[in-house]
PDB file of N, CA and C in Angstrom:
ATOM      1  N   UNK A   1     112.285  91.857  89.950  1.00  0.00           N
ATOM      2  CA  UNK A   1     112.502  92.255  91.328  1.00  0.00           C
ATOM      3  C   UNK A   1     111.179  92.562  92.013  1.00  0.00           C
ATOM      4  N   UNK A   2     110.309  93.338  91.321  1.00  0.00           N
ATOM      5  CA  UNK A   2     109.007  93.679  91.892  1.00  0.00           C
ATOM      6  C   UNK A   2     108.172  92.421  92.119  1.00  0.00           C
ATOM      7  N   UNK A   3     108.246  91.466  91.196  1.00  0.00           N
ATOM      8  CA  UNK A   3     107.502  90.215  91.360  1.00  0.00           C
ATOM      9  C   UNK A   3     107.951  89.470  92.611  1.00  0.00           C
ATOM     10  N   UNK A   4     109.249  89.460  92.859  1.00  0.00           N
ATOM     11  CA  UNK A   4     109.783  88.775  94.027  1.00  0.00           C
ATOM     12  C   UNK A   4     109.283  89.442  95.312  1.00  0.00           C
ATOM     13  N   UNK A   5     109.287  90.768  95.341  1.00  0.00           N
ATOM     14  CA  UNK A   5     108.819  91.511  96.516  1.00  0.00           C
ATOM     15  C   UNK A   5     107.331  91.248  96.742  1.00  0.00           C
ATOM     16  N   UNK A   6     106.532  91.297  95.673  1.00  0.00           N
ATOM     17  CA  UNK A   6     105.101  91.030  95.803  1.00  0.00           C
ATOM     18  C   UNK A   6     104.843  89.603  96.261  1.00  0.00           C
ATOM     19  N   UNK A   7     105.608  88.641  95.755  1.00  0.00           N
ATOM     20  CA  UNK A   7     105.433  87.250  96.155  1.00  0.00           C
ATOM     21  C   UNK A   7     105.730  87.072  97.642  1.00  0.00           C
ATOM     22  N   UNK A   8     106.814  87.649  98.092  1.00  0.00           N
ATOM     23  CA  UNK A   8     107.189  87.533  99.506  1.00  0.00           C
ATOM     24  C   UNK A   8     106.158  88.234 100.387  1.00  0.00           C
ATOM     25  N   UNK A   9     105.729  89.440  99.994  1.00  0.00           N
ATOM     26  CA  UNK A   9     104.738  90.177 100.778  1.00  0.00           C
ATOM     27  C   UNK A   9     103.418  89.432 100.878  1.00  0.00           C
ATOM     28  N   UNK A  10     102.974  88.864  99.762  1.00  0.00           N
ATOM     29  CA  UNK A  10     101.731  88.092  99.759  1.00  0.00           C
ATOM     30  C   UNK A  10     101.865  86.841 100.614  1.00  0.00           C
ATOM     31  N   UNK A  11     103.002  86.177 100.541  1.00  0.00           N
ATOM     32  CA  UNK A  11     103.230  84.978 101.346  1.00  0.00           C
ATOM     33  C   UNK A  11     103.159  85.291 102.838  1.00  0.00           C
ATOM     34  N   UNK A  12     103.752  86.403 103.231  1.00  0.00           N
ATOM     35  CA  UNK A  12     103.722  86.810 104.642  1.00  0.00           C
ATOM     36  C   UNK A  12     102.285  87.081 105.079  1.00  0.00           C
ATOM     37  N   UNK A  13     101.506  87.773 104.243  1.00  0.00           N
ATOM     38  CA  UNK A  13     100.115  88.052 104.589  1.00  0.00           C
ATOM     39  C   UNK A  13      99.317  86.765 104.773  1.00  0.00           C
ATOM     40  N   UNK A  14      99.515  85.789 103.895  1.00  0.00           N
ATOM     41  CA  UNK A  14      98.798  84.525 104.020  1.00  0.00           C
ATOM     42  C   UNK A  14      99.212  83.759 105.280  1.00  0.00           C
ATOM     43  N   UNK A  15     100.459  83.913 105.702  1.00  0.00           N
ATOM     44  CA  UNK A  15     100.903  83.248 106.929  1.00  0.00           C
ATOM     45  C   UNK A  15     100.321  83.932 108.159  1.00  0.00           C
ATOM     46  N   UNK A  16     100.128  85.248 108.109  1.00  0.00           N
ATOM     47  CA  UNK A  16      99.623  85.989 109.260  1.00  0.00           C
ATOM     48  C   UNK A  16      98.112  85.897 109.401  1.00  0.00           C
ATOM     49  N   UNK A  17      97.400  85.636 108.331  1.00  0.00           N
ATOM     50  CA  UNK A  17      95.933  85.593 108.379  1.00  0.00           C
ATOM     51  C   UNK A  17      95.404  84.590 109.406  1.00  0.00           C
ATOM     52  N   UNK A  18      95.910  83.345 109.472  1.00  0.00           N
ATOM     53  CA  UNK A  18      95.403  82.421 110.484  1.00  0.00           C
ATOM     54  C   UNK A  18      95.684  82.893 111.909  1.00  0.00           C
ATOM     55  N   UNK A  19      96.785  83.589 112.110  1.00  0.00           N
ATOM     56  CA  UNK A  19      97.118  84.090 113.445  1.00  0.00           C
ATOM     57  C   UNK A  19      96.085  85.114 113.885  1.00  0.00           C
ATOM     58  N   UNK A  20      95.741  86.051 113.007  1.00  0.00           N
ATOM     59  CA  UNK A  20      94.755  87.061 113.378  1.00  0.00           C
ATOM     60  C   UNK A  20      93.390  86.430 113.603  1.00  0.00           C
ATOM     61  N   UNK A  21      93.084  85.372 112.863  1.00  0.00           N
ATOM     62  CA  UNK A  21      91.821  84.670 113.055  1.00  0.00           C
ATOM     63  C   UNK A  21      91.771  84.011 114.426  1.00  0.00           C
ATOM     64  N   UNK A  22      92.866  83.396 114.849  1.00  0.00           N
ATOM     65  CA  UNK A  22      92.934  82.779 116.168  1.00  0.00           C
ATOM     66  C   UNK A  22      92.811  83.836 117.249  1.00  0.00           C
ATOM     67  N   UNK A  23      93.475  84.966 117.087  1.00  0.00           N
ATOM     68  CA  UNK A  23      93.380  86.045 118.061  1.00  0.00           C
ATOM     69  C   UNK A  23      91.949  86.539 118.188  1.00  0.00           C
ATOM     70  N   UNK A  24      91.252  86.637 117.079  1.00  0.00           N
ATOM     71  CA  UNK A  24      89.869  87.109 117.116  1.00  0.00           C
ATOM     72  C   UNK A  24      88.989  86.117 117.861  1.00  0.00           C
ATOM     73  N   UNK A  25      89.250  84.822 117.711  1.00  0.00           N
ATOM     74  CA  UNK A  25      88.430  83.807 118.357  1.00  0.00           C
ATOM     75  C   UNK A  25      88.716  83.699 119.842  1.00  0.00           C
ATOM     76  N   UNK A  26      89.893  84.112 120.293  1.00  0.00           N
ATOM     77  CA  UNK A  26      90.230  83.985 121.707  1.00  0.00           C
ATOM     78  C   UNK A  26      89.846  85.221 122.511  1.00  0.00           C
ATOM     79  N   UNK A  27      89.220  86.204 121.866  1.00  0.00           N
ATOM     80  CA  UNK A  27      88.816  87.426 122.549  1.00  0.00           C
ATOM     81  C   UNK A  27      87.686  87.119 123.533  1.00  0.00           C
ATOM     82  N   UNK A  28      87.788  87.542 124.796  1.00  0.00           N
ATOM     83  CA  UNK A  28      86.695  87.332 125.741  1.00  0.00           C
ATOM     84  C   UNK A  28      85.422  88.009 125.250  1.00  0.00           C
ATOM     85  N   UNK A  29      84.285  87.406 125.522  1.00  0.00           N
ATOM     86  CA  UNK A  29      83.031  87.937 125.009  1.00  0.00           C
ATOM     87  C   UNK A  29      82.629  89.256 125.659  1.00  0.00           C
ATOM     88  N   UNK A  30      83.155  89.572 126.839  1.00  0.00           N
ATOM     89  CA  UNK A  30      82.776  90.813 127.498  1.00  0.00           C
ATOM     90  C   UNK A  30      83.608  92.011 127.041  1.00  0.00           C
ATOM     91  N   UNK A  31      84.572  91.802 126.169  1.00  0.00           N
ATOM     92  CA  UNK A  31      85.396  92.896 125.642  1.00  0.00           C
ATOM     93  C   UNK A  31      84.826  93.301 124.288  1.00  0.00           C
ATOM     94  N   UNK A  32      84.442  94.580 124.123  1.00  0.00           N
ATOM     95  CA  UNK A  32      83.882  94.996 122.841  1.00  0.00           C
ATOM     96  C   UNK A  32      84.924  94.933 121.728  1.00  0.00           C
ATOM     97  N   UNK A  33      84.497  94.473 120.576  1.00  0.00           N
ATOM     98  CA  UNK A  33      85.357  94.400 119.398  1.00  0.00           C
ATOM     99  C   UNK A  33      84.696  95.226 118.303  1.00  0.00           C
ATOM    100  N   UNK A  34      85.452  96.161 117.740  1.00  0.00           N
ATOM    101  CA  UNK A  34      84.934  96.962 116.629  1.00  0.00           C
ATOM    102  C   UNK A  34      85.327  96.277 115.333  1.00  0.00           C
ATOM    103  N   UNK A  35      84.345  96.047 114.479  1.00  0.00           N
ATOM    104  CA  UNK A  35      84.566  95.384 113.193  1.00  0.00           C
ATOM    105  C   UNK A  35      84.081  96.305 112.090  1.00  0.00           C
ATOM    106  N   UNK A  36      84.896  96.464 111.059  1.00  0.00           N
ATOM    107  CA  UNK A  36      84.519  97.274 109.894  1.00  0.00           C
ATOM    108  C   UNK A  36      84.598  96.379 108.666  1.00  0.00           C
ATOM    109  N   UNK A  37      83.522  96.349 107.876  1.00  0.00           N
ATOM    110  CA  UNK A  37      83.473  95.477 106.705  1.00  0.00           C
ATOM    111  C   UNK A  37      83.397  96.223 105.382  1.00  0.00           C
ATOM    112  N   UNK A  38      83.174  97.544 105.419  1.00  0.00           N
ATOM    113  CA  UNK A  38      83.045  98.270 104.161  1.00  0.00           C
ATOM    114  C   UNK A  38      84.406  98.397 103.465  1.00  0.00           C
ATOM    115  N   UNK A  39      84.373  98.433 102.146  1.00  0.00           N
ATOM    116  CA  UNK A  39      85.592  98.565 101.353  1.00  0.00           C
ATOM    117  C   UNK A  39      86.352  99.825 101.761  1.00  0.00           C
ATOM    118  N   UNK A  40      87.646  99.722 101.875  1.00  0.00           N
ATOM    119  CA  UNK A  40      88.550 100.834 102.196  1.00  0.00           C
ATOM    120  C   UNK A  40      88.298 101.460 103.564  1.00  0.00           C
ATOM    121  N   UNK A  41      87.680 100.723 104.467  1.00  0.00           N
ATOM    122  CA  UNK A  41      87.450 101.235 105.819  1.00  0.00           C
ATOM    123  C   UNK A  41      88.780 101.451 106.523  1.00  0.00           C
ATOM    124  N   UNK A  42      88.849 102.472 107.362  1.00  0.00           N
ATOM    125  CA  UNK A  42      90.043 102.760 108.149  1.00  0.00           C
ATOM    126  C   UNK A  42      89.692 102.589 109.620  1.00  0.00           C
ATOM    127  N   UNK A  43      90.582 101.938 110.366  1.00  0.00           N
ATOM    128  CA  UNK A  43      90.370 101.693 111.788  1.00  0.00           C
ATOM    129  C   UNK A  43      91.663 102.010 112.520  1.00  0.00           C
ATOM    130  N   UNK A  44      91.711 103.143 113.242  1.00  0.00           N
ATOM    131  CA  UNK A  44      92.947 103.506 113.935  1.00  0.00           C
ATOM    132  C   UNK A  44      93.235 102.584 115.115  1.00  0.00           C
ATOM    133  N   UNK A  45      94.498 102.218 115.238  1.00  0.00           N
ATOM    134  CA  UNK A  45      94.994 101.454 116.380  1.00  0.00           C
ATOM    135  C   UNK A  45      96.245 102.185 116.871  1.00  0.00           C
ATOM    136  N   UNK A  46      96.702 101.926 118.079  1.00  0.00           N
ATOM    137  CA  UNK A  46      97.888 102.640 118.572  1.00  0.00           C
ATOM    138  C   UNK A  46      99.090 102.472 117.631  1.00  0.00           C
ATOM    139  N   UNK A  47      99.571 103.573 117.100  1.00  0.00           N
ATOM    140  CA  UNK A  47     100.757 103.564 116.255  1.00  0.00           C
ATOM    141  C   UNK A  47     100.531 103.204 114.803  1.00  0.00           C
ATOM    142  N   UNK A  48      99.269 102.975 114.393  1.00  0.00           N
ATOM    143  CA  UNK A  48      99.015 102.567 113.006  1.00  0.00           C
ATOM    144  C   UNK A  48      97.542 102.769 112.665  1.00  0.00           C
ATOM    145  N   UNK A  49      97.221 102.465 111.424  1.00  0.00           N
ATOM    146  CA  UNK A  49      95.827 102.473 110.975  1.00  0.00           C
ATOM    147  C   UNK A  49      95.611 101.222 110.144  1.00  0.00           C
ATOM    148  N   UNK A  50      94.589 100.444 110.481  1.00  0.00           N
ATOM    149  CA  UNK A  50      94.226  99.284 109.665  1.00  0.00           C
ATOM    150  C   UNK A  50      93.379  99.768 108.504  1.00  0.00           C
ATOM    151  N   UNK A  51      93.622  99.221 107.314  1.00  0.00           N
ATOM    152  CA  UNK A  51      92.880  99.590 106.115  1.00  0.00           C
ATOM    153  C   UNK A  51      92.268  98.330 105.531  1.00  0.00           C
ATOM    154  N   UNK A  52      90.951  98.314 105.365  1.00  0.00           N
ATOM    155  CA  UNK A  52      90.296  97.176 104.728  1.00  0.00           C
ATOM    156  C   UNK A  52      90.499  97.305 103.221  1.00  0.00           C
ATOM    157  N   UNK A  53      91.695  96.965 102.781  1.00  0.00           N
ATOM    158  CA  UNK A  53      92.134  97.141 101.406  1.00  0.00           C
ATOM    159  C   UNK A  53      91.592  96.011 100.539  1.00  0.00           C
ATOM    160  N   UNK A  54      90.739  96.351  99.595  1.00  0.00           N
ATOM    161  CA  UNK A  54      90.164  95.351  98.702  1.00  0.00           C
ATOM    162  C   UNK A  54      90.728  95.493  97.287  1.00  0.00           C
ATOM    163  N   UNK A  55      91.976  95.946  97.207  1.00  0.00           N
ATOM    164  CA  UNK A  55      92.634  96.128  95.918  1.00  0.00           C
ATOM    165  C   UNK A  55      92.576  94.825  95.117  1.00  0.00           C
ATOM    166  N   UNK A  56      92.173  94.929  93.887  1.00  0.00           N
ATOM    167  CA  UNK A  56      92.163  93.776  93.006  1.00  0.00           C
ATOM    168  C   UNK A  56      90.883  92.974  93.022  1.00  0.00           C
ATOM    169  N   UNK A  57      89.855  93.391  93.774  1.00  0.00           N
ATOM    170  CA  UNK A  57      88.621  92.597  93.830  1.00  0.00           C
ATOM    171  C   UNK A  57      87.868  92.657  92.511  1.00  0.00           C
ATOM    172  N   UNK A  58      88.081  93.711  91.723  1.00  0.00           N
ATOM    173  CA  UNK A  58      87.418  93.817  90.427  1.00  0.00           C
ATOM    174  C   UNK A  58      85.909  93.819  90.564  1.00  0.00           C
ATOM    175  N   UNK A  59      85.245  92.948  89.822  1.00  0.00           N
ATOM    176  CA  UNK A  59      83.781  92.878  89.833  1.00  0.00           C
ATOM    177  C   UNK A  59      83.242  91.865  90.834  1.00  0.00           C
ATOM    178  N   UNK A  60      84.101  91.306  91.664  1.00  0.00           N
ATOM    179  CA  UNK A  60      83.664  90.305  92.637  1.00  0.00           C
ATOM    180  C   UNK A  60      82.728  90.965  93.641  1.00  0.00           C
ATOM    181  N   UNK A  61      81.562  90.379  93.843  1.00  0.00           N
ATOM    182  CA  UNK A  61      80.603  90.934  94.801  1.00  0.00           C
ATOM    183  C   UNK A  61      80.328  89.968  95.955  1.00  0.00           C
ATOM    184  N   UNK A  62      80.598  88.693  95.769  1.00  0.00           N
ATOM    185  CA  UNK A  62      80.319  87.691  96.793  1.00  0.00           C
ATOM    186  C   UNK A  62      81.601  87.392  97.572  1.00  0.00           C
ATOM    187  N   UNK A  63      81.933  88.253  98.523  1.00  0.00           N
ATOM    188  CA  UNK A  63      83.133  88.064  99.327  1.00  0.00           C
ATOM    189  C   UNK A  63      82.897  88.637 100.710  1.00  0.00           C
ATOM    190  N   UNK A  64      83.729  88.234 101.651  1.00  0.00           N
ATOM    191  CA  UNK A  64      83.672  88.796 103.002  1.00  0.00           C
ATOM    192  C   UNK A  64      85.101  89.125 103.413  1.00  0.00           C
ATOM    193  N   UNK A  65      85.312  90.356 103.790  1.00  0.00           N
ATOM    194  CA  UNK A  65      86.618  90.788 104.272  1.00  0.00           C
ATOM    195  C   UNK A  65      86.387  91.879 105.302  1.00  0.00           C
ATOM    196  N   UNK A  66      87.094  91.814 106.413  1.00  0.00           N
ATOM    197  CA  UNK A  66      86.878  92.804 107.468  1.00  0.00           C
ATOM    198  C   UNK A  66      88.164  93.066 108.240  1.00  0.00           C
ATOM    199  N   UNK A  67      88.154  94.182 108.966  1.00  0.00           N
ATOM    200  CA  UNK A  67      89.220  94.508 109.903  1.00  0.00           C
ATOM    201  C   UNK A  67      88.572  94.645 111.271  1.00  0.00           C
ATOM    202  N   UNK A  68      89.340  94.383 112.319  1.00  0.00           N
ATOM    203  CA  UNK A  68      88.766  94.451 113.657  1.00  0.00           C
ATOM    204  C   UNK A  68      89.788  94.964 114.655  1.00  0.00           C
ATOM    205  N   UNK A  69      89.277  95.474 115.777  1.00  0.00           N
ATOM    206  CA  UNK A  69      90.160  95.879 116.863  1.00  0.00           C
ATOM    207  C   UNK A  69      89.412  95.624 118.164  1.00  0.00           C
ATOM    208  N   UNK A  70      90.137  95.001 119.098  1.00  0.00           N
ATOM    209  CA  UNK A  70      89.624  94.741 120.427  1.00  0.00           C
ATOM    210  C   UNK A  70      90.492  95.458 121.440  1.00  0.00           C
ATOM    211  N   UNK A  71      90.387  95.056 122.684  1.00  0.00           N
ATOM    212  CA  UNK A  71      91.172  95.706 123.740  1.00  0.00           C
ATOM    213  C   UNK A  71      92.671  95.461 123.560  1.00  0.00           C
ATOM    214  N   UNK A  72      93.052  94.218 123.267  1.00  0.00           N
ATOM    215  CA  UNK A  72      94.479  93.864 123.192  1.00  0.00           C
ATOM    216  C   UNK A  72      94.902  93.317 121.834  1.00  0.00           C
ATOM    217  N   UNK A  73      94.014  93.327 120.846  1.00  0.00           N
ATOM    218  CA  UNK A  73      94.393  92.765 119.551  1.00  0.00           C
ATOM    219  C   UNK A  73      93.679  93.501 118.431  1.00  0.00           C
ATOM    220  N   UNK A  74      94.173  93.306 117.236  1.00  0.00           N
ATOM    221  CA  UNK A  74      93.586  93.888 116.047  1.00  0.00           C
ATOM    222  C   UNK A  74      94.042  93.036 114.867  1.00  0.00           C
ATOM    223  N   UNK A  75      93.295  93.088 113.783  1.00  0.00           N
ATOM    224  CA  UNK A  75      93.714  92.289 112.642  1.00  0.00           C
ATOM    225  C   UNK A  75      92.754  92.357 111.473  1.00  0.00           C
ATOM    226  N   UNK A  76      92.939  91.419 110.576  1.00  0.00           N
ATOM    227  CA  UNK A  76      92.219  91.343 109.313  1.00  0.00           C
ATOM    228  C   UNK A  76      91.672  89.949 109.168  1.00  0.00           C
ATOM    229  N   UNK A  77      90.481  89.843 108.625  1.00  0.00           N
ATOM    230  CA  UNK A  77      89.882  88.513 108.404  1.00  0.00           C
ATOM    231  C   UNK A  77      89.289  88.456 107.026  1.00  0.00           C
TER     232      UNK A  77
END
């Protein structure tokens, strides 16, 4: 049961990742965007908090993962 839940949750995250990437690219250049790249960074947004969760990275050091928030959007890359 737990495997099924994890599989579905991971699948949803992979489907949403391209959407957040597109949103980040369509942000006007004159609107400031806050980006946090450090592991376990927290970025408050209205009604929630984004967490740069790097669970499972182990000894991997060559990676890029970040969270961001702009005027009308927020997400993970």
